[in-house]
Protein backbone atom coordinates (compact mmCIF):
# COMPACT_ATOMS: atom_id res chain seq x y z
CA MET A 1 0.00 0.00 0.00
CA ALA A 2 1.32 3.47 -0.91
CA LEU A 3 1.31 5.73 2.12
CA ILE A 4 -0.20 9.21 1.90
CA ASN A 5 0.32 12.46 3.82
CA ASN A 6 3.99 11.63 4.25
CA THR A 7 5.01 15.24 4.94
CA VAL A 8 2.82 18.03 6.30
CA LEU A 9 3.21 21.68 7.25
CA MET A 10 1.89 22.80 10.64
CA SER A 11 2.02 26.22 12.29
CA ASP A 12 0.96 26.80 15.91
CA ALA A 13 -2.07 27.88 17.94
CA LEU A 14 -0.41 30.83 19.68
CA ASN A 15 -2.41 33.41 17.70
CA PHE A 16 -5.63 31.41 17.42
CA SER A 17 -8.89 33.10 18.38
CA ALA A 18 -12.57 32.82 17.52
CA GLU A 19 -13.57 36.47 17.59
CA GLN A 20 -14.74 36.94 14.01
CA ALA A 21 -17.39 34.37 13.15
CA ILE A 22 -16.52 33.53 9.56
CA ASN A 23 -18.29 30.15 9.55
CA PRO A 24 -21.29 28.59 11.33
CA TYR A 25 -19.21 26.80 13.98
CA TYR A 26 -18.24 29.98 15.77
CA GLY A 27 -20.25 30.69 18.90
CA ASP A 28 -17.93 30.68 21.88
CA ALA A 29 -15.25 33.34 21.47
CA SER A 30 -13.62 32.59 24.84
CA VAL A 31 -10.71 30.56 23.49
CA ASP A 32 -8.14 29.16 25.93
CA THR A 33 -4.96 29.54 23.90
CA SER A 34 -2.99 27.28 26.23
CA THR A 35 -5.50 24.46 25.80
CA ALA A 36 -5.62 25.04 22.03
CA SER A 37 -1.83 24.77 21.93
CA HIS A 38 -1.90 21.50 23.90
CA GLU A 39 -4.48 20.11 21.45
CA HIS A 40 -2.32 21.21 18.53
CA GLU A 41 0.74 19.52 20.04
CA ALA A 42 -1.28 16.33 20.56
CA ILE A 43 -2.26 16.31 16.87
CA LYS A 44 1.35 16.86 15.88
CA ALA A 45 2.55 14.06 18.18
CA ALA A 46 -0.05 11.65 16.78
CA LEU A 47 1.02 12.46 13.22
CA GLU A 48 4.69 11.95 14.02
CA GLN A 49 4.01 8.67 15.80
CA ALA A 50 2.19 7.54 12.65
CA GLY A 51 5.33 8.19 10.64
CA VAL A 52 4.39 11.57 9.20
CA LYS A 53 7.16 14.15 8.85
CA VAL A 54 5.92 17.43 10.34
CA ILE A 55 7.51 20.69 9.23
CA ASN A 56 6.87 23.46 11.75
CA THR A 57 6.41 27.13 10.99
CA PRO A 58 5.17 30.10 13.07
CA SER A 59 1.57 31.16 12.58
CA PRO A 60 0.98 34.72 11.35
CA THR A 61 0.45 37.14 14.22
CA ASP A 62 -2.34 39.03 12.47
CA SER A 63 -4.77 36.21 11.64
CA GLN A 64 -7.05 34.33 14.01
CA ASP A 65 -7.06 31.27 11.73
CA GLY A 66 -3.38 30.88 10.92
CA VAL A 67 -3.38 27.56 12.76
CA TYR A 68 -5.37 26.06 9.87
CA THR A 69 -2.52 25.59 7.38
CA ALA A 70 -4.59 23.30 5.15
CA ASN A 71 -6.17 26.41 3.68
CA TRP A 72 -2.89 27.97 2.61
CA ALA A 73 -2.46 26.15 -0.69
CA LEU A 74 -2.85 22.93 -2.64
CA VAL A 75 0.54 21.28 -3.10
CA ARG A 76 1.71 18.51 -5.40
CA GLY A 77 5.39 17.81 -5.72
CA ASP A 78 7.29 21.06 -6.18
CA ILE A 79 4.27 23.19 -7.09
CA ALA A 80 1.93 24.99 -4.70
CA VAL A 81 -1.27 26.64 -5.93
CA LEU A 82 -1.80 29.43 -3.41
CA ALA A 83 -5.16 30.02 -1.76
CA ARG A 84 -7.29 33.17 -1.95
CA LEU A 85 -8.88 33.43 1.49
CA PRO A 86 -11.74 35.35 3.16
CA ASN A 87 -11.16 38.98 4.19
CA VAL A 88 -10.06 38.30 7.79
CA ARG A 89 -7.52 35.71 6.58
CA LYS A 90 -5.92 37.67 3.71
CA SER A 91 -2.62 38.16 5.56
CA GLU A 92 -2.10 34.40 5.54
CA GLU A 93 -1.66 34.38 1.77
CA GLN A 94 1.67 36.22 1.68
CA HIS A 95 2.77 34.42 4.85
CA ALA A 96 2.08 31.06 3.22
CA ALA A 97 3.73 32.05 -0.05
CA SER A 98 6.93 33.03 1.75
CA ILE A 99 7.09 29.80 3.74
CA LEU A 100 6.32 27.55 0.78
CA GLN A 101 8.95 29.32 -1.32
CA GLN A 102 11.49 28.72 1.45
CA LEU A 103 10.57 25.03 1.25
CA GLY A 104 11.44 25.02 -2.44
CA LYS A 105 7.92 25.16 -3.85
CA THR A 106 7.06 27.06 -7.00
CA ILE A 107 4.14 29.34 -6.20
CA ILE A 108 1.24 29.54 -8.66
CA THR A 109 -1.75 31.82 -8.06
CA VAL A 110 -5.28 31.29 -9.32
CA PRO A 111 -6.73 33.99 -11.61
CA GLU A 112 -7.73 37.28 -9.98
CA GLY A 113 -11.19 37.52 -8.49
CA LEU A 114 -11.55 33.83 -7.67
CA HIS A 115 -11.91 32.27 -4.22
CA PHE A 116 -9.77 29.25 -3.43
CA SER A 117 -9.55 27.47 -0.08
CA GLY A 118 -6.53 25.35 -0.92
CA GLN A 119 -6.42 21.80 0.39
CA GLY A 120 -9.45 22.46 2.59
CA ASP A 121 -11.66 22.33 -0.48
CA ALA A 122 -9.56 20.08 -2.70
CA LEU A 123 -8.61 16.63 -1.38
CA ALA A 124 -6.18 14.56 -3.41
CA CYS A 125 -6.73 10.82 -3.70
CA GLY A 126 -4.07 9.49 -6.04
CA HIS A 127 -4.87 10.92 -9.47
CA LEU A 128 -8.27 12.16 -8.27
CA LEU A 129 -9.05 15.54 -6.71
CA PHE A 130 -12.32 15.77 -4.77
CA CYS A 131 -13.36 19.43 -4.90
CA GLY A 132 -16.08 21.39 -3.13
CA SER A 133 -17.24 24.72 -4.51
CA SER A 134 -19.59 27.66 -3.84
CA TYR A 135 -18.60 28.65 -0.31
CA ARG A 136 -14.83 29.15 0.05
CA SER A 137 -13.82 28.09 -3.46
CA ASP A 138 -14.99 28.84 -6.98
CA GLU A 139 -15.20 25.99 -9.46
CA GLN A 140 -13.06 27.91 -11.96
CA ALA A 141 -10.28 28.15 -9.36
CA GLN A 142 -10.44 24.42 -8.77
CA ILE A 143 -10.37 23.71 -12.52
CA PHE A 144 -7.23 25.84 -12.68
CA ALA A 145 -5.63 24.05 -9.71
CA ALA A 146 -6.48 20.58 -11.00
CA GLU A 147 -5.13 21.33 -14.48
CA THR A 148 -1.99 22.97 -13.07
CA LEU A 149 -1.21 20.02 -10.80
CA GLY A 150 -2.36 17.25 -13.14
CA TYR A 151 -5.36 15.90 -11.25
CA GLU A 152 -8.65 14.43 -12.49
CA ARG A 153 -11.22 16.70 -10.84
CA ILE A 154 -14.40 15.41 -9.18
CA GLN A 155 -16.55 18.51 -8.65
CA LEU A 156 -18.97 18.39 -5.73
CA HIS A 157 -21.27 20.72 -3.81
CA THR A 158 -22.25 20.54 -0.15
CA ILE A 159 -25.53 21.77 1.31
CA PRO A 160 -25.84 25.41 2.41
CA LYS A 161 -26.77 26.72 5.81
CA ARG A 162 -30.36 28.00 5.74
CA ASP A 163 -32.29 30.36 8.02
CA ASN A 164 -35.67 29.62 9.56
CA ASN A 165 -37.38 30.62 6.30
CA GLY A 166 -35.29 28.22 4.26
CA LYS A 167 -33.21 30.99 2.71
CA GLU A 168 -29.50 30.42 2.18
CA VAL A 169 -27.43 32.29 4.76
CA ILE A 170 -24.79 34.84 3.81
CA ASN A 171 -22.00 35.16 6.36
CA PRO A 172 -22.08 38.77 7.66
CA ILE A 173 -18.28 39.01 7.96
CA THR A 174 -17.05 37.37 4.76
CA GLY A 175 -20.08 38.30 2.63
CA TRP A 176 -19.90 34.78 1.18
CA ASN A 177 -22.49 32.00 1.28
CA ASP A 178 -22.30 29.91 4.43
CA SER A 179 -22.42 26.19 5.17
CA PHE A 180 -21.56 23.80 7.99
CA PHE A 181 -19.57 22.09 5.24
CA TYR A 182 -17.98 25.27 3.90
CA ASP A 183 -14.84 23.26 3.06
CA ILE A 184 -15.11 19.75 1.65
CA ASP A 185 -12.76 18.35 4.29
CA LEU A 186 -15.66 18.62 6.73
CA ALA A 187 -17.79 16.30 4.58
CA LEU A 188 -15.29 13.91 3.01
CA SER A 189 -11.95 12.38 3.90
CA ILE A 190 -9.28 10.41 2.05
CA ILE A 191 -8.35 7.17 3.82
CA SER A 192 -6.17 5.60 1.12
CA ALA A 193 -5.35 6.31 -2.52
CA PRO A 194 -5.94 3.98 -5.48
CA VAL A 195 -2.77 2.15 -6.53
CA GLY A 196 -2.62 -0.01 -9.65
CA ASN A 197 -5.72 -2.18 -9.70
CA LYS A 198 -6.48 -1.53 -6.04
CA LYS A 199 -9.19 0.98 -5.25
CA GLY A 200 -8.74 3.88 -2.88
CA LEU A 201 -10.92 4.43 0.18
CA ILE A 202 -12.84 7.52 1.22
CA ALA A 203 -15.22 8.28 4.07
CA TYR A 204 -17.99 10.76 3.42
CA CYS A 205 -21.34 12.01 4.68
CA PRO A 206 -23.98 11.73 1.92
CA GLU A 207 -26.34 14.10 3.72
CA ALA A 208 -23.71 16.83 3.58
CA PHE A 209 -23.96 16.89 -0.24
CA ASP A 210 -26.69 17.92 -2.64
CA SER A 211 -28.42 15.20 -4.64
CA ALA A 212 -26.31 15.65 -7.79
CA SER A 213 -23.10 15.30 -5.78
CA GLN A 214 -24.44 12.24 -3.98
CA THR A 215 -24.96 10.62 -7.36
CA ILE A 216 -21.44 11.52 -8.50
CA LEU A 217 -19.96 9.97 -5.36
CA GLU A 218 -22.10 6.85 -5.61
CA GLN A 219 -20.94 6.33 -9.19
CA CYS A 220 -17.25 6.91 -8.50
CA THR A 221 -15.72 3.48 -9.10
CA ASP A 222 -12.09 4.32 -8.29
CA VAL A 223 -12.74 4.29 -4.55
CA ASP A 224 -14.55 2.25 -1.95
CA LYS A 225 -16.64 4.23 0.51
CA ILE A 226 -17.40 4.39 4.21
CA ILE A 227 -20.61 6.25 5.05
CA VAL A 228 -20.43 8.85 7.83
CA SER A 229 -23.57 10.00 9.64
CA LEU A 230 -24.63 13.65 9.56
CA GLU A 231 -24.41 13.76 13.33
CA GLU A 232 -20.80 12.59 13.43
CA ALA A 233 -19.79 14.76 10.47
CA GLN A 234 -21.35 17.99 11.72
CA GLN A 235 -21.11 17.64 15.49
CA ALA A 236 -17.93 15.60 15.86
CA PHE A 237 -15.90 16.73 12.82
CA ALA A 238 -15.58 13.04 11.92
CA CYS A 239 -14.43 13.59 8.33
CA ASN A 240 -11.79 16.15 9.25
CA LEU A 241 -9.05 13.59 9.73
CA VAL A 242 -5.58 12.70 8.48
CA SER A 243 -4.81 9.20 7.24
CA THR A 244 -1.47 7.72 6.23
CA GLY A 245 -3.21 4.77 4.61
CA GLU A 246 -2.37 2.68 7.68
CA THR A 247 -3.04 4.99 10.63
CA VAL A 248 -5.96 7.42 10.92
CA ILE A 249 -5.78 10.42 13.27
CA MET A 250 -9.40 11.44 13.82
CA SER A 251 -12.05 12.79 16.17
CA ALA A 252 -12.41 11.24 19.61
CA HIS A 253 -16.19 11.71 19.34
CA ALA A 254 -17.08 9.71 16.22
CA PRO A 255 -17.36 6.09 17.39
CA LEU A 256 -19.22 4.81 14.32
CA LEU A 257 -16.56 5.97 11.89
CA LYS A 258 -13.83 4.75 14.22
CA GLN A 259 -15.38 1.27 14.30
CA ALA A 260 -15.72 1.21 10.51
CA LEU A 261 -12.05 2.11 10.06
CA ILE A 262 -10.86 -0.48 12.56
CA ALA A 263 -13.00 -3.09 10.81
CA ARG A 264 -10.96 -2.39 7.65
CA GLY A 265 -7.72 -3.07 9.47
CA LEU A 266 -6.67 0.53 10.08
CA HIS A 267 -5.02 1.77 13.27
CA VAL A 268 -6.99 4.69 14.75
CA VAL A 269 -5.69 7.44 17.04
CA THR A 270 -8.12 9.93 18.60
CA PRO A 271 -6.57 13.04 20.17
CA GLU A 272 -8.98 15.24 22.10
CA VAL A 273 -9.87 18.47 20.27
CA ASN A 274 -12.26 21.07 21.65
CA GLU A 275 -10.75 24.57 21.62
CA LEU A 276 -9.56 24.38 18.01
CA ALA A 277 -13.06 23.34 16.96
CA LYS A 278 -14.37 26.76 18.06
CA GLY A 279 -12.97 28.13 14.81
CA GLY A 280 -14.71 25.51 12.70
CA GLY A 281 -11.51 23.58 12.09
CA TYR A 282 -10.21 20.25 13.30
CA ILE A 283 -7.41 17.75 12.68
CA ARG A 284 -7.18 17.87 8.87
CA CYS A 285 -7.39 21.67 8.92
CA THR A 286 -4.21 22.01 10.98
CA SER A 287 -1.93 20.29 8.47
CA LEU A 288 -1.09 21.03 4.84
CA THR A 289 0.16 18.02 2.89
CA LEU A 290 3.41 18.73 1.02
CA ASP A 291 3.75 15.43 -0.90
């Protein structure tokens, strides 16, 4: 089996806060930075124990979400397609570009005027790239990224957040449409990649996707699938995990998915994450794959 997520980039939680509610998970702005840092260190330790090489970098001092490095870019080999982030995260773009250049990556930017949430909305699975659009990423940006990096794009759409009248909610800070699955890594995860004649494995929550996307996923024959419940996906961040193909670092509060992974012979590690979740991010969000 070919291992995945061999090398990742992580920052730190020293500047993390939840003051500006740029996604539906914000609610408690009283973040304990010390606890968030301990959670971050536990994620890092779990990754390293699983054999993942972790490259550390300081978080930007002027962004509340700089701990979520997955949104900085989409990387394949020596090329990094840089993200275009919401207003309160704009400073992370130049910060990320500088760091990735120092790591020897060639920086490519998506065309002007497009939103792109990097790896958060574009999950690589071998030659496939599972993309989510309409909230933090535009489809045209993901077409550009997939073509630049040589992926076969699978374009998907998650369900929006709606108000009591059924109207789609616009986030008052970003001005963008909102969703509990604003990035696809909250609705779908890559467990292993297809190699040769062997299928890959994903875990996903069908109820997080619109009907057209559900059909696309059902008909995708390159991967086997584990179904994740809406409750575990939305309340426990079950899909926001990192897998090496042998070890899965995931939520401590998603027992059904954990059991399904163990039944497939995978080793599962479940660090406790609470403070970092106040920003709508979890384990996958804190690490950018550099493979």
